[in-house]
Amino acid sequence: MKKIVVFGASGDTGQYFVKYFLDYYKGTDYQIIATGTRETNRFDKLNVPYYQVDITKKEDFLKLPQDVYAVVDLAGAMPARMKGYDPYRYIDVNITGNLNILEFCRKTGADRILFAQSFGDIKDYGEENPVLTVDLPRKFSFTSDHTIYVMSKNFAVDMIENYHQM
């Protein structure tokens, strides 16, 4: 059975992703492994193994299966969930945490990753044209409390490209 580890499965998007996957891929050769920072038993009733993992801690990855086919990376610190403003949290989670996920992929042989990028790096185009496409060059404000968040997500995308090319 091909194992797919979903980082951030206990978050809002992650919970929907796991449910969607199970609804449409039930009885296939794939097994979802859910991870998140929250303590939860939500996945018990779905018969999905859940591991409480802090992606900023390398040692937490040792809890996970090591025979992994693919990774879905929905983990991240984001402005909407942050109490106050702590730019270090964006660096710790969105950069260091995602580097740890990439190293996990490399060590386990997971050669495919689905990453959730913010649209914050192209949202300023929406002022001119409400239709945003994935191939737009980055364009965002450097003057808001969301700037470090957007930059950290962009850097994570660049790290993924680096690992892909290596």
C-alpha atoms as a PDB file:
ATOM      1  CA  MET A   1       0.000   0.000   0.000  1.00  0.00           C
ATOM      2  CA  LYS A   2       1.402   3.431  -0.988  1.00  0.00           C
ATOM      3  CA  LYS A   3       1.549   5.755   2.013  1.00  0.00           C
ATOM      4  CA  ILE A   4       0.772   9.452   1.589  1.00  0.00           C
ATOM      5  CA  VAL A   5       1.719  11.600   4.569  1.00  0.00           C
ATOM      6  CA  VAL A   6      -0.459  14.691   4.969  1.00  0.00           C
ATOM      7  CA  PHE A   7       1.277  17.378   7.014  1.00  0.00           C
ATOM      8  CA  GLY A   8      -1.201  19.852   8.469  1.00  0.00           C
ATOM      9  CA  ALA A   9      -4.046  17.318   8.377  1.00  0.00           C
ATOM     10  CA  SER A  10      -5.476  18.634  11.655  1.00  0.00           C
ATOM     11  CA  GLY A  11      -5.926  22.129  10.179  1.00  0.00           C
ATOM     12  CA  ASP A  12      -8.970  23.367   8.305  1.00  0.00           C
ATOM     13  CA  THR A  13      -7.697  22.645   4.789  1.00  0.00           C
ATOM     14  CA  GLY A  14      -6.037  19.408   5.884  1.00  0.00           C
ATOM     15  CA  GLN A  15      -9.230  17.994   7.357  1.00  0.00           C
ATOM     16  CA  TYR A  16     -11.106  18.695   4.112  1.00  0.00           C
ATOM     17  CA  PHE A  17      -8.287  17.201   2.042  1.00  0.00           C
ATOM     18  CA  VAL A  18      -8.275  13.952   4.038  1.00  0.00           C
ATOM     19  CA  LYS A  19     -12.068  13.641   3.807  1.00  0.00           C
ATOM     20  CA  TYR A  20     -12.025  14.382   0.065  1.00  0.00           C
ATOM     21  CA  PHE A  21      -9.265  11.841  -0.534  1.00  0.00           C
ATOM     22  CA  LEU A  22     -11.093   9.160   1.422  1.00  0.00           C
ATOM     23  CA  ASP A  23     -14.369   9.908  -0.391  1.00  0.00           C
ATOM     24  CA  TYR A  24     -12.815   9.583  -3.844  1.00  0.00           C
ATOM     25  CA  TYR A  25      -9.984   7.075  -3.365  1.00  0.00           C
ATOM     26  CA  LYS A  26     -11.558   4.580  -0.972  1.00  0.00           C
ATOM     27  CA  GLY A  27     -10.468   1.039  -1.701  1.00  0.00           C
ATOM     28  CA  THR A  28      -7.422   2.095  -3.713  1.00  0.00           C
ATOM     29  CA  ASP A  29      -3.774   1.203  -3.176  1.00  0.00           C
ATOM     30  CA  TYR A  30      -3.194   4.376  -1.119  1.00  0.00           C
ATOM     31  CA  GLN A  31      -3.152   4.939   2.622  1.00  0.00           C
ATOM     32  CA  ILE A  32      -3.382   8.388   4.180  1.00  0.00           C
ATOM     33  CA  ILE A  33      -1.172   9.086   7.192  1.00  0.00           C
ATOM     34  CA  ALA A  34      -2.403  12.257   8.933  1.00  0.00           C
ATOM     35  CA  THR A  35      -0.151  14.565  10.936  1.00  0.00           C
ATOM     36  CA  GLY A  36      -0.657  17.819  12.762  1.00  0.00           C
ATOM     37  CA  THR A  37       0.334  19.783  15.819  1.00  0.00           C
ATOM     38  CA  ARG A  38      -3.069  19.496  17.461  1.00  0.00           C
ATOM     39  CA  GLU A  39      -4.043  16.711  19.802  1.00  0.00           C
ATOM     40  CA  THR A  40      -7.096  15.111  18.181  1.00  0.00           C
ATOM     41  CA  ASN A  41      -8.970  11.857  17.780  1.00  0.00           C
ATOM     42  CA  ARG A  42     -10.831  13.124  14.677  1.00  0.00           C
ATOM     43  CA  PHE A  43      -9.075  10.636  12.409  1.00  0.00           C
ATOM     44  CA  ASP A  44      -9.913   7.558  14.530  1.00  0.00           C
ATOM     45  CA  LYS A  45     -13.442   7.340  13.100  1.00  0.00           C
ATOM     46  CA  LEU A  46     -11.995   7.633   9.571  1.00  0.00           C
ATOM     47  CA  ASN A  47      -9.598   4.756  10.272  1.00  0.00           C
ATOM     48  CA  VAL A  48      -6.661   7.025   9.397  1.00  0.00           C
ATOM     49  CA  PRO A  49      -3.455   6.828  11.465  1.00  0.00           C
ATOM     50  CA  TYR A  50      -2.683  10.202  13.064  1.00  0.00           C
ATOM     51  CA  TYR A  51       0.656  11.361  14.437  1.00  0.00           C
ATOM     52  CA  GLN A  52       1.112  14.545  16.439  1.00  0.00           C
ATOM     53  CA  VAL A  53       4.129  16.149  14.742  1.00  0.00           C
ATOM     54  CA  ASP A  54       5.737  19.546  15.149  1.00  0.00           C
ATOM     55  CA  ILE A  55       7.443  20.105  11.780  1.00  0.00           C
ATOM     56  CA  THR A  56       9.949  22.495  13.373  1.00  0.00           C
ATOM     57  CA  LYS A  57      11.415  19.558  15.340  1.00  0.00           C
ATOM     58  CA  LYS A  58      13.478  17.087  13.302  1.00  0.00           C
ATOM     59  CA  GLU A  59      13.085  14.382  15.944  1.00  0.00           C
ATOM     60  CA  ASP A  60       9.281  14.373  15.527  1.00  0.00           C
ATOM     61  CA  PHE A  61       9.698  12.928  12.007  1.00  0.00           C
ATOM     62  CA  LEU A  62      11.081   9.728  13.534  1.00  0.00           C
ATOM     63  CA  LYS A  63       7.521   8.943  14.723  1.00  0.00           C
ATOM     64  CA  LEU A  64       6.356   8.601  11.121  1.00  0.00           C
ATOM     65  CA  PRO A  65       6.475   5.623   8.767  1.00  0.00           C
ATOM     66  CA  GLN A  66       9.642   5.653   6.680  1.00  0.00           C
ATOM     67  CA  ASP A  67       8.223   3.893   3.593  1.00  0.00           C
ATOM     68  CA  VAL A  68       6.483   6.914   2.080  1.00  0.00           C
ATOM     69  CA  TYR A  69       5.216   7.301  -1.482  1.00  0.00           C
ATOM     70  CA  ALA A  70       4.167  10.974  -1.433  1.00  0.00           C
ATOM     71  CA  VAL A  71       3.719  13.994   0.807  1.00  0.00           C
ATOM     72  CA  VAL A  72       0.954  16.574   0.955  1.00  0.00           C
ATOM     73  CA  ASP A  73       2.233  19.697   2.693  1.00  0.00           C
ATOM     74  CA  LEU A  74      -0.611  21.814   4.064  1.00  0.00           C
ATOM     75  CA  ALA A  75       1.261  22.790   7.235  1.00  0.00           C
ATOM     76  CA  GLY A  76       2.122  26.387   7.912  1.00  0.00           C
ATOM     77  CA  ALA A  77       1.861  29.368  10.181  1.00  0.00           C
ATOM     78  CA  MET A  78      -0.478  31.930   8.700  1.00  0.00           C
ATOM     79  CA  PRO A  79      -1.612  35.435   9.651  1.00  0.00           C
ATOM     80  CA  ALA A  80      -5.283  34.538  10.050  1.00  0.00           C
ATOM     81  CA  ARG A  81      -4.457  32.062  12.837  1.00  0.00           C
ATOM     82  CA  MET A  82      -1.726  34.044  14.595  1.00  0.00           C
ATOM     83  CA  LYS A  83      -2.465  35.862  17.820  1.00  0.00           C
ATOM     84  CA  GLY A  84      -0.490  39.096  17.646  1.00  0.00           C
ATOM     85  CA  TYR A  85       2.420  39.350  15.248  1.00  0.00           C
ATOM     86  CA  ASP A  86       5.358  36.983  15.554  1.00  0.00           C
ATOM     87  CA  PRO A  87       7.455  36.964  12.357  1.00  0.00           C
ATOM     88  CA  TYR A  88       9.787  34.352  13.878  1.00  0.00           C
ATOM     89  CA  ARG A  89       6.902  31.869  13.792  1.00  0.00           C
ATOM     90  CA  TYR A  90       6.678  32.229   9.993  1.00  0.00           C
ATOM     91  CA  ILE A  91      10.402  31.522   9.666  1.00  0.00           C
ATOM     92  CA  ASP A  92      10.303  28.599  12.111  1.00  0.00           C
ATOM     93  CA  VAL A  93       7.277  26.869  10.598  1.00  0.00           C
ATOM     94  CA  ASN A  94       7.156  27.962   6.955  1.00  0.00           C
ATOM     95  CA  ILE A  95      10.878  27.757   6.281  1.00  0.00           C
ATOM     96  CA  THR A  96      12.548  25.490   8.858  1.00  0.00           C
ATOM     97  CA  GLY A  97       9.491  23.248   9.123  1.00  0.00           C
ATOM     98  CA  ASN A  98       9.221  22.886   5.367  1.00  0.00           C
ATOM     99  CA  LEU A  99      12.943  22.203   5.102  1.00  0.00           C
ATOM    100  CA  ASN A 100      12.395  19.374   7.610  1.00  0.00           C
ATOM    101  CA  ILE A 101       9.540  18.056   5.442  1.00  0.00           C
ATOM    102  CA  LEU A 102      11.780  18.146   2.354  1.00  0.00           C
ATOM    103  CA  GLU A 103      14.497  16.274   4.230  1.00  0.00           C
ATOM    104  CA  PHE A 104      11.882  13.728   5.310  1.00  0.00           C
ATOM    105  CA  CYS A 105      10.911  13.307   1.641  1.00  0.00           C
ATOM    106  CA  ARG A 106      14.538  12.845   0.639  1.00  0.00           C
ATOM    107  CA  LYS A 107      15.292  10.320   3.392  1.00  0.00           C
ATOM    108  CA  THR A 108      12.127   8.267   2.834  1.00  0.00           C
ATOM    109  CA  GLY A 109      12.306   8.365  -0.962  1.00  0.00           C
ATOM    110  CA  ALA A 110       9.014  10.228  -1.348  1.00  0.00           C
ATOM    111  CA  ASP A 111       9.621  11.732  -4.777  1.00  0.00           C
ATOM    112  CA  ARG A 112       6.399  13.747  -5.064  1.00  0.00           C
ATOM    113  CA  ILE A 113       4.993  16.583  -2.977  1.00  0.00           C
ATOM    114  CA  LEU A 114       1.845  18.695  -3.147  1.00  0.00           C
ATOM    115  CA  PHE A 115       2.416  22.065  -1.475  1.00  0.00           C
ATOM    116  CA  ALA A 116      -0.204  24.689  -0.615  1.00  0.00           C
ATOM    117  CA  GLN A 117       1.145  28.104  -1.563  1.00  0.00           C
ATOM    118  CA  SER A 118      -0.459  31.359  -0.506  1.00  0.00           C
ATOM    119  CA  PHE A 119      -1.921  33.610  -3.157  1.00  0.00           C
ATOM    120  CA  GLY A 120      -0.460  36.500  -1.181  1.00  0.00           C
ATOM    121  CA  ASP A 121       2.503  36.723  -3.556  1.00  0.00           C
ATOM    122  CA  ILE A 122       0.260  37.623  -6.521  1.00  0.00           C
ATOM    123  CA  LYS A 123      -2.838  39.117  -4.879  1.00  0.00           C
ATOM    124  CA  ASP A 124      -1.824  42.695  -5.703  1.00  0.00           C
ATOM    125  CA  TYR A 125      -2.573  41.917  -9.364  1.00  0.00           C
ATOM    126  CA  GLY A 126      -6.224  41.609  -8.310  1.00  0.00           C
ATOM    127  CA  GLU A 127      -6.464  45.394  -8.146  1.00  0.00           C
ATOM    128  CA  GLU A 128      -5.920  45.514 -11.928  1.00  0.00           C
ATOM    129  CA  ASN A 129      -7.576  42.252 -12.960  1.00  0.00           C
ATOM    130  CA  PRO A 130      -9.539  39.895 -10.688  1.00  0.00           C
ATOM    131  CA  VAL A 131      -8.392  36.845 -12.670  1.00  0.00           C
ATOM    132  CA  LEU A 132      -5.171  35.547 -11.089  1.00  0.00           C
ATOM    133  CA  THR A 133      -3.096  32.820 -12.741  1.00  0.00           C
ATOM    134  CA  VAL A 134      -0.303  30.676 -11.333  1.00  0.00           C
ATOM    135  CA  ASP A 135       2.275  31.961 -13.809  1.00  0.00           C
ATOM    136  CA  LEU A 136       2.139  35.599 -12.691  1.00  0.00           C
ATOM    137  CA  PRO A 137       5.452  37.000 -11.420  1.00  0.00           C
ATOM    138  CA  ARG A 138       5.524  37.659  -7.690  1.00  0.00           C
ATOM    139  CA  LYS A 139       4.097  41.038  -6.719  1.00  0.00           C
ATOM    140  CA  PHE A 140       3.281  41.874  -3.114  1.00  0.00           C
ATOM    141  CA  SER A 141       3.576  44.663  -0.602  1.00  0.00           C
ATOM    142  CA  PHE A 142       6.664  44.953   1.572  1.00  0.00           C
ATOM    143  CA  THR A 143       4.827  47.207   4.025  1.00  0.00           C
ATOM    144  CA  SER A 144       2.357  44.948   5.826  1.00  0.00           C
ATOM    145  CA  ASP A 145       2.290  42.468   8.682  1.00  0.00           C
ATOM    146  CA  HIS A 146       1.719  39.759   6.012  1.00  0.00           C
ATOM    147  CA  THR A 147       5.017  40.421   4.192  1.00  0.00           C
ATOM    148  CA  ILE A 148       7.207  37.981   6.163  1.00  0.00           C
ATOM    149  CA  TYR A 149       4.464  35.360   5.817  1.00  0.00           C
ATOM    150  CA  VAL A 150       4.363  35.752   2.015  1.00  0.00           C
ATOM    151  CA  MET A 151       8.157  35.783   1.783  1.00  0.00           C
ATOM    152  CA  SER A 152       8.407  32.627   3.912  1.00  0.00           C
ATOM    153  CA  LYS A 153       5.895  30.785   1.703  1.00  0.00           C
ATOM    154  CA  ASN A 154       7.780  31.949  -1.412  1.00  0.00           C
ATOM    155  CA  PHE A 155      11.041  30.707   0.066  1.00  0.00           C
ATOM    156  CA  ALA A 156       9.425  27.327   0.781  1.00  0.00           C
ATOM    157  CA  VAL A 157       8.431  27.114  -2.903  1.00  0.00           C
ATOM    158  CA  ASP A 158      12.014  27.945  -3.881  1.00  0.00           C
ATOM    159  CA  MET A 159      13.326  25.212  -1.530  1.00  0.00           C
ATOM    160  CA  ILE A 160      10.977  22.692  -3.137  1.00  0.00           C
ATOM    161  CA  GLU A 161      12.311  23.669  -6.564  1.00  0.00           C
ATOM    162  CA  ASN A 162      15.870  23.298  -5.286  1.00  0.00           C
ATOM    163  CA  TYR A 163      15.178  19.799  -3.938  1.00  0.00           C
ATOM    164  CA  HIS A 164      13.405  18.877  -7.159  1.00  0.00           C
ATOM    165  CA  GLN A 165      16.354  19.954  -9.301  1.00  0.00           C
ATOM    166  CA  MET A 166      18.887  18.256  -7.035  1.00  0.00           C
END
